Every structure is written in structure tokens, then in C-alpha cells.
Amino acid sequence: MEQLQPLSAMGFFHVTSKLEVYQSLIFEYFDPESYYSVLVEDEEELEKELKRLAAVMQDFLDEEEVIINGERVKPRVRAVDVGFKGSPDEVFITYFIFFKGKPLQGLNYYENLYENETAEYPITAYWVFPPGSKIVNVQMSGDVIIISPNVLSVRLEEGEKIYGYEKIEFELPMRRAKQ
């Protein structure tokens, strides 16, 4: 199999008021030999490949130090899917990842520490917090824009330096006490 050529990556982080984080990572590739379009026709081989992809991503996640409100949390790959963008040589691989922290009243924070690297392709990520949340401060590589009080976007271009530290400080909506 000729090497897949990475084209771009997108990440979507959906955060609940219970500080559960549902993460979807989508990597787009040019697959010059249409390896994946052939592979999806063989259910057994596809299942093996999906397990392999999940294990590789889990190894990457295990190398990161993800902290929520001072406690280390462990992101876990829950599922992997392979799809196509119109032709057999335009493949995307989607990872579904979950992790959870303990919410605090007032200021909460997420941190991620990992190795410095250089973006090999354009990367876009969105963080969506519950309605009523407020993003207070962000430290991340790339072009960071707080789109609305609870939505954050981050963009990196190919060749841009990624410093191995991220921090988002945010306030979750106040929960009403049970009556």
C-alpha cells in the first residue's frame, strides 16, 4: 500500500454541563491506490483495520497529559469509521473519543500537554460548550477565535509550529439546586 497523503484534520469537541467531552476527529487523506475503497468491501479486513486505527490513536492519546480542573483524565477512543468524499481516492477517517472531568462552580479549566510538533496539514478545531457557558481565556497555538461566548475555533496552517500546551478556562452555566 502506498502511503496515504494527509490533506487536513478537523476536530469537534462538544462539552456537556457535566463536563463530559465528546470529541470527533476527522482526518482527510488522498489515497492514490484506493486502498480503503477496496478494504471496505471485506468486512473482516475492515474490522481489523478499524481496530488497528483505534489502537494507534489510543497510543497517541496516551502520550498526552490531559487535565481537567487539576485532575488527569484519560481520553478513550470509542469508535472509528472510514468514509469517502465522492471518489475512492478521497478518504476520511473519523475517530470518536470521550473523556470526562468533574465540573466546578465558577472557573473550570482544560489543559493538554504533549510534544511540540509542526502541522503537516491544515488543522481546524471547534470547542462547543453548553449554552450559557463562557470561555474566559485560551492559550493555544494557531489562530484562536472565540466565535461566541461558548464556541471557540482554532486554525493552524500547514508548516505552523504547534507548541505542546493548550489551556481553556471557562465557566459552565449555573445548575439549579433540586427543589
Foldseek 3Di string as FASTA:
>chain_A
DPDWAWAEKEKEWEAELQRKTKIKIKTKTFAPVLVVVVQVVDVVSVVVVFVVVQVVVQVVQVQKFKDKQRHTKGKHFDGKDKDADPDSRIIMIMTIIIIGDGDDADKMKMKMFHAKDFAQYKYKYKYAYDPVKAWDDKDWPADWDDPDRGMIMGIDGGGGIGHGMIMIMMHHHDDDDDD
